[in-house]
């Protein structure tokens, strides 16, 4: 059985991987920069989000992909930012000291093009005040001809093991939906030492300008997020939950969450926390509505904690 997060006095508050979360919401990497872009918004409360995942960080600074890098679709968004970031040392030395760690939990997002880079970035974040580290294993491995780490269980596990060896901070592995067997990938990442799982990363897609007959995205393909991928994400959380529960590993469910009902579905499917991202672009205060809706649902169903709802999907007749 999975170790249930320790419930605190508020039904939305609990401990996730040893961290006190003010709500089950986690703001997803790339959607709020390095945190201050969101926490400074008028109306932000430190109870809105349990955690904020910072922008993906590589060892050295990156300028990212050529334009266009973002495109709105009918039910979501395509993005191919290309991991634009100032590099690990700048983040650790200049950005983290400016964050208020009493507001929420801050989680670094580690990216790399080799296993050695993942380990080195993780090692540098280990010697920082960051609360936890998320491993973005969807990056291409340059030593293997650009094959994405996250699409192959053995390669994913090697990245997790390398990061586990250099940090004692909680590790969360962000799983890719663009693979054959996400359940097997989850199992191998858990055995390699991950403490938690983020399910799922974006789904690869593209858009074409019919007038010019050219790709809209400068990188040709990008990651699709938003409501369009919610059914896919829900299924992946359901598939991963059995193996995660068996090993006591919690899941952050994510992919198209725009309302309290969306969040509740992910929790019922097996997520202990829920990630919100694309919906912030058109409703920066959506977290307040989601939290209020979850609290109302718990009261209406006689539950004193959100943890009572985790993994309660009813199968069969």
Protein backbone atom coordinates (compact mmCIF):
# COMPACT_ATOMS: atom_id res chain seq x y z
CA UNK A 1 0.00 0.00 0.00
CA UNK A 2 1.13 3.56 -0.73
CA UNK A 3 2.14 5.61 2.26
CA UNK A 4 -0.64 8.18 2.60
CA UNK A 5 0.54 11.79 2.90
CA UNK A 6 0.28 13.05 6.46
CA UNK A 7 -2.89 15.14 6.79
CA UNK A 8 -2.68 18.52 8.55
CA UNK A 9 -5.46 20.61 10.11
CA UNK A 10 -6.89 21.93 6.81
CA UNK A 11 -8.47 19.31 4.46
CA UNK A 12 -6.36 20.68 1.59
CA UNK A 13 -3.10 20.67 3.54
CA UNK A 14 -0.88 17.61 3.74
CA UNK A 15 2.70 16.40 3.52
CA UNK A 16 3.99 15.38 0.13
CA UNK A 17 7.41 13.68 0.18
CA UNK A 18 8.08 15.25 3.56
CA UNK A 19 7.12 18.73 2.39
CA UNK A 20 4.14 20.59 3.84
CA UNK A 21 1.80 21.53 0.99
CA UNK A 22 -0.84 24.22 1.52
CA UNK A 23 -2.99 22.69 -1.23
CA UNK A 24 -2.82 19.73 -3.63
CA UNK A 25 -1.97 22.06 -6.53
CA UNK A 26 1.50 22.22 -8.06
CA UNK A 27 2.29 24.89 -10.66
CA UNK A 28 4.05 23.23 -13.56
CA UNK A 29 7.52 23.87 -14.92
CA UNK A 30 7.76 26.46 -17.68
CA UNK A 31 4.42 28.08 -16.87
CA UNK A 32 5.50 30.49 -14.12
CA UNK A 33 9.18 31.04 -14.91
CA UNK A 34 11.27 30.83 -11.77
CA UNK A 35 8.35 31.48 -9.43
CA UNK A 36 8.45 35.23 -8.95
CA UNK A 37 6.47 35.70 -12.18
CA UNK A 38 3.47 34.20 -10.39
CA UNK A 39 3.92 34.97 -6.72
CA UNK A 40 4.02 38.71 -7.45
CA UNK A 41 0.60 38.68 -9.17
CA UNK A 42 -1.96 40.73 -7.27
CA UNK A 43 -4.28 38.37 -5.44
CA UNK A 44 -1.74 35.56 -5.04
CA UNK A 45 -1.98 33.78 -1.71
CA UNK A 46 0.52 31.36 -0.23
CA UNK A 47 -2.36 28.87 0.06
CA UNK A 48 -3.05 28.86 -3.69
CA UNK A 49 -0.38 26.32 -4.58
CA UNK A 50 1.33 23.63 -2.56
CA UNK A 51 4.42 23.84 -4.74
CA UNK A 52 5.91 25.61 -7.74
CA UNK A 53 8.13 23.76 -10.21
CA UNK A 54 10.72 26.15 -11.58
CA UNK A 55 11.62 26.53 -15.24
CA UNK A 56 13.68 23.71 -16.70
CA UNK A 57 17.37 24.26 -15.97
CA UNK A 58 20.42 22.91 -17.78
CA UNK A 59 24.06 23.06 -16.74
CA UNK A 60 24.90 25.92 -19.10
CA UNK A 61 22.74 28.78 -20.34
CA UNK A 62 20.52 28.11 -23.37
CA UNK A 63 18.85 30.56 -25.76
CA UNK A 64 16.17 28.09 -26.78
CA UNK A 65 14.55 27.34 -30.12
CA UNK A 66 13.85 29.76 -33.00
CA UNK A 67 10.42 31.40 -33.29
CA UNK A 68 7.60 30.65 -33.35
CA UNK A 69 7.81 28.83 -30.04
CA UNK A 70 4.20 28.93 -28.81
CA UNK A 71 0.97 28.32 -30.74
CA UNK A 72 -2.60 28.20 -29.44
CA UNK A 73 -4.61 25.21 -30.62
CA UNK A 74 -8.37 24.65 -30.48
CA UNK A 75 -8.12 22.90 -27.10
CA UNK A 76 -4.66 23.68 -25.82
CA UNK A 77 -1.23 24.96 -26.65
CA UNK A 78 1.82 23.80 -28.58
CA UNK A 79 5.18 24.92 -27.24
CA UNK A 80 8.78 24.36 -28.23
CA UNK A 81 10.68 26.81 -26.05
CA UNK A 82 13.85 24.76 -26.20
CA UNK A 83 14.74 24.99 -22.51
CA UNK A 84 15.77 28.65 -22.60
CA UNK A 85 17.37 29.30 -19.21
CA UNK A 86 20.35 31.11 -17.66
CA UNK A 87 22.14 27.96 -16.48
CA UNK A 88 22.32 26.22 -13.12
CA UNK A 89 24.87 28.46 -11.39
CA UNK A 90 22.87 31.61 -12.17
CA UNK A 91 19.68 30.01 -10.91
CA UNK A 92 21.31 28.81 -7.68
CA UNK A 93 23.33 31.95 -6.95
CA UNK A 94 21.09 34.74 -8.25
CA UNK A 95 17.50 33.51 -8.51
CA UNK A 96 16.93 31.17 -5.57
CA UNK A 97 18.08 33.76 -2.96
CA UNK A 98 15.30 36.05 -4.17
CA UNK A 99 12.51 33.53 -3.62
CA UNK A 100 10.43 33.52 -0.45
CA UNK A 101 10.53 29.90 0.70
CA UNK A 102 7.89 30.65 3.33
CA UNK A 103 5.31 31.23 0.56
CA UNK A 104 5.30 27.77 -0.93
CA UNK A 105 7.56 24.84 -1.79
CA UNK A 106 9.92 25.40 -4.71
CA UNK A 107 10.92 22.44 -6.86
CA UNK A 108 13.80 22.61 -9.35
CA UNK A 109 13.36 21.07 -12.80
CA UNK A 110 16.53 19.40 -14.05
CA UNK A 111 17.21 18.86 -17.74
CA UNK A 112 20.21 17.62 -19.70
CA UNK A 113 21.51 16.16 -22.93
CA UNK A 114 23.69 13.53 -21.23
CA UNK A 115 23.39 11.49 -18.04
CA UNK A 116 26.46 13.29 -16.72
CA UNK A 117 24.77 16.67 -17.18
CA UNK A 118 21.65 15.53 -15.32
CA UNK A 119 23.81 14.39 -12.41
CA UNK A 120 25.86 17.58 -12.30
CA UNK A 121 22.83 19.87 -12.36
CA UNK A 122 21.21 17.78 -9.63
CA UNK A 123 24.39 17.90 -7.54
CA UNK A 124 24.46 21.70 -7.71
CA UNK A 125 20.80 21.97 -6.71
CA UNK A 126 21.48 19.59 -3.83
CA UNK A 127 23.69 22.29 -2.33
CA UNK A 128 20.89 24.88 -2.42
CA UNK A 129 17.72 25.72 -0.45
CA UNK A 130 15.49 24.12 -3.11
CA UNK A 131 12.85 21.84 -1.56
CA UNK A 132 12.85 19.05 -4.15
CA UNK A 133 14.06 18.20 -7.64
CA UNK A 134 12.00 17.15 -10.65
CA UNK A 135 13.83 15.25 -13.40
CA UNK A 136 12.70 16.07 -16.92
CA UNK A 137 13.60 12.84 -18.73
CA UNK A 138 11.95 13.90 -22.00
CA UNK A 139 15.16 15.57 -23.19
CA UNK A 140 17.07 14.05 -26.14
CA UNK A 141 20.27 12.14 -25.37
CA UNK A 142 22.93 13.56 -27.68
CA UNK A 143 25.18 10.54 -27.14
CA UNK A 144 22.47 8.27 -28.51
CA UNK A 145 21.66 10.31 -31.59
CA UNK A 146 18.90 12.41 -30.05
CA UNK A 147 16.79 9.58 -28.62
CA UNK A 148 14.69 10.92 -25.75
CA UNK A 149 15.70 9.55 -22.33
CA UNK A 150 12.08 9.26 -21.26
CA UNK A 151 10.92 7.03 -24.09
CA UNK A 152 12.98 4.03 -22.97
CA UNK A 153 12.66 2.58 -19.44
CA UNK A 154 16.30 1.50 -19.15
CA UNK A 155 17.56 4.93 -20.15
CA UNK A 156 15.10 6.67 -17.83
CA UNK A 157 16.27 4.53 -14.94
CA UNK A 158 19.92 5.35 -15.64
CA UNK A 159 19.16 9.07 -15.40
CA UNK A 160 17.25 8.61 -12.13
CA UNK A 161 20.02 6.47 -10.62
CA UNK A 162 22.66 9.06 -11.53
CA UNK A 163 20.64 11.85 -9.93
CA UNK A 164 19.82 9.74 -6.86
CA UNK A 165 23.53 9.19 -6.26
CA UNK A 166 24.24 12.91 -5.84
CA UNK A 167 21.32 14.21 -3.76
CA UNK A 168 19.31 13.45 -0.64
CA UNK A 169 16.52 15.81 -1.67
CA UNK A 170 13.21 14.32 -2.82
CA UNK A 171 13.37 13.30 -6.47
CA UNK A 172 10.31 13.45 -8.73
CA UNK A 173 10.56 11.93 -12.21
CA UNK A 174 8.42 13.47 -14.95
CA UNK A 175 7.24 10.68 -17.22
CA UNK A 176 6.73 11.03 -20.96
CA UNK A 177 3.48 9.86 -22.59
CA UNK A 178 5.38 9.32 -25.85
CA UNK A 179 6.46 5.77 -25.06
CA UNK A 180 5.26 2.20 -25.37
CA UNK A 181 4.87 1.17 -21.72
CA UNK A 182 4.66 3.99 -19.17
CA UNK A 183 3.91 1.53 -16.36
CA UNK A 184 7.20 -0.32 -16.93
CA UNK A 185 9.03 2.99 -17.11
CA UNK A 186 7.51 4.04 -13.79
CA UNK A 187 8.54 0.75 -12.17
CA UNK A 188 12.14 1.06 -13.30
CA UNK A 189 12.37 4.71 -12.23
CA UNK A 190 11.04 3.78 -8.79
CA UNK A 191 13.55 0.96 -8.45
CA UNK A 192 16.30 3.40 -9.53
CA UNK A 193 15.46 5.69 -6.63
CA UNK A 194 12.79 8.22 -7.55
CA UNK A 195 10.57 9.32 -4.65
CA UNK A 196 7.66 10.60 -6.72
CA UNK A 197 6.30 10.69 -10.27
CA UNK A 198 4.87 13.47 -12.44
CA UNK A 199 2.37 12.03 -14.91
CA UNK A 200 2.46 13.23 -17.69
CA UNK A 201 4.69 15.50 -19.73
CA UNK A 202 3.33 17.05 -22.94
CA UNK A 203 2.24 15.02 -25.97
CA UNK A 204 4.20 15.70 -29.17
CA UNK A 205 2.31 17.45 -31.95
CA UNK A 206 2.57 20.02 -34.74
CA UNK A 207 0.63 22.74 -36.54
CA UNK A 208 0.80 23.78 -40.22
CA UNK A 209 0.10 27.15 -41.83
CA UNK A 210 -1.99 26.14 -44.87
CA UNK A 211 -1.26 29.44 -46.67
CA UNK A 212 2.51 29.07 -46.56
CA UNK A 213 2.49 25.26 -46.22
CA UNK A 214 5.11 25.59 -43.52
CA UNK A 215 5.16 24.40 -39.90
CA UNK A 216 3.92 27.06 -37.49
CA UNK A 217 6.43 26.05 -34.82
CA UNK A 218 10.03 26.92 -35.67
CA UNK A 219 11.15 23.58 -34.27
CA UNK A 220 8.50 21.85 -36.47
CA UNK A 221 7.13 19.87 -33.52
CA UNK A 222 6.26 20.90 -30.00
CA UNK A 223 4.66 19.70 -26.80
CA UNK A 224 0.86 19.78 -26.72
CA UNK A 225 -0.71 20.73 -23.39
CA UNK A 226 -4.14 21.82 -22.22
CA UNK A 227 -7.63 20.25 -22.23
CA UNK A 228 -6.93 18.25 -25.41
CA UNK A 229 -4.58 15.88 -23.56
CA UNK A 230 -6.61 15.43 -20.38
CA UNK A 231 -8.11 12.02 -21.34
CA UNK A 232 -4.62 10.76 -22.23
CA UNK A 233 -3.17 12.03 -18.97
CA UNK A 234 -5.96 10.53 -16.87
CA UNK A 235 -5.39 7.12 -18.43
CA UNK A 236 -1.64 7.32 -17.81
CA UNK A 237 -2.17 8.22 -14.14
CA UNK A 238 -4.55 5.26 -13.81
CA UNK A 239 -2.01 2.96 -15.46
CA UNK A 240 0.88 4.12 -13.29
CA UNK A 241 -1.07 4.18 -10.02
CA UNK A 242 -0.92 0.43 -9.36
CA UNK A 243 2.87 0.23 -9.46
CA UNK A 244 3.25 3.55 -7.63
CA UNK A 245 0.86 2.44 -4.89
CA UNK A 246 2.71 -0.85 -4.48
CA UNK A 247 5.95 1.01 -3.81
CA UNK A 248 4.48 3.85 -1.75
CA UNK A 249 5.36 6.48 -4.37
CA UNK A 250 2.98 9.46 -4.81
CA UNK A 251 1.94 10.88 -8.18
CA UNK A 252 1.51 14.46 -9.37
CA UNK A 253 -1.23 14.13 -12.00
CA UNK A 254 -1.19 16.71 -14.78
CA UNK A 255 -2.47 17.39 -18.25
CA UNK A 256 -5.34 19.73 -19.09
CA UNK A 257 -6.53 20.57 -15.58
CA UNK A 258 -8.68 23.70 -15.79
CA UNK A 259 -11.30 23.20 -13.07
CA UNK A 260 -11.96 21.56 -9.74
CA UNK A 261 -13.75 18.72 -11.52
CA UNK A 262 -10.66 18.07 -13.64
CA UNK A 263 -8.48 18.00 -10.53
CA UNK A 264 -10.86 15.67 -8.70
CA UNK A 265 -10.79 13.20 -11.59
CA UNK A 266 -7.00 13.00 -11.40
CA UNK A 267 -7.08 12.49 -7.63
CA UNK A 268 -9.69 9.73 -7.98
CA UNK A 269 -7.49 8.10 -10.64
CA UNK A 270 -4.58 7.98 -8.18
CA UNK A 271 -2.84 11.35 -8.05
CA UNK A 272 -1.87 12.69 -4.62
CA UNK A 273 -1.30 16.17 -6.09
CA UNK A 274 -2.36 17.86 -9.32
CA UNK A 275 -0.34 20.01 -11.70
CA UNK A 276 -1.80 23.18 -13.22
CA UNK A 277 -0.11 24.84 -16.18
CA UNK A 278 -1.73 25.89 -19.44
CA UNK A 279 -4.91 27.17 -17.76
CA UNK A 280 -2.82 29.78 -15.91
CA UNK A 281 -2.20 31.55 -19.21
CA UNK A 282 -5.83 32.62 -19.51
CA UNK A 283 -6.90 32.52 -15.86
CA UNK A 284 -4.00 33.29 -13.48
CA UNK A 285 -6.31 32.91 -10.47
CA UNK A 286 -7.69 29.51 -11.47
CA UNK A 287 -6.00 27.86 -8.47
CA UNK A 288 -8.35 29.60 -6.04
CA UNK A 289 -11.36 28.19 -7.90
CA UNK A 290 -9.88 24.70 -8.04
CA UNK A 291 -9.07 24.69 -4.32
CA UNK A 292 -12.55 25.94 -3.43
CA UNK A 293 -14.17 23.29 -5.61
CA UNK A 294 -12.11 20.48 -4.11
CA UNK A 295 -12.96 21.64 -0.57
CA UNK A 296 -16.67 21.76 -1.44
CA UNK A 297 -16.54 18.24 -2.87
CA UNK A 298 -14.83 16.87 0.23
CA UNK A 299 -17.44 18.42 2.51
CA UNK A 300 -20.31 17.16 0.35
CA UNK A 301 -18.90 13.62 0.47
CA UNK A 302 -18.10 13.58 4.18
CA UNK A 303 -14.32 13.56 3.73
CA UNK A 304 -11.99 15.40 6.07
CA UNK A 305 -8.93 15.22 3.83
CA UNK A 306 -8.11 15.18 0.14
CA UNK A 307 -5.98 12.11 0.82
CA UNK A 308 -9.16 10.08 1.45
CA UNK A 309 -10.06 10.55 -2.22
CA UNK A 310 -6.76 9.40 -3.74
CA UNK A 311 -7.13 6.27 -5.87
CA UNK A 312 -10.83 5.73 -5.13
CA UNK A 313 -11.81 4.97 -8.74
CA UNK A 314 -14.64 2.44 -8.85
CA UNK A 315 -14.20 -0.21 -11.52
CA UNK A 316 -16.75 -2.72 -12.72
CA UNK A 317 -20.47 -2.77 -12.05
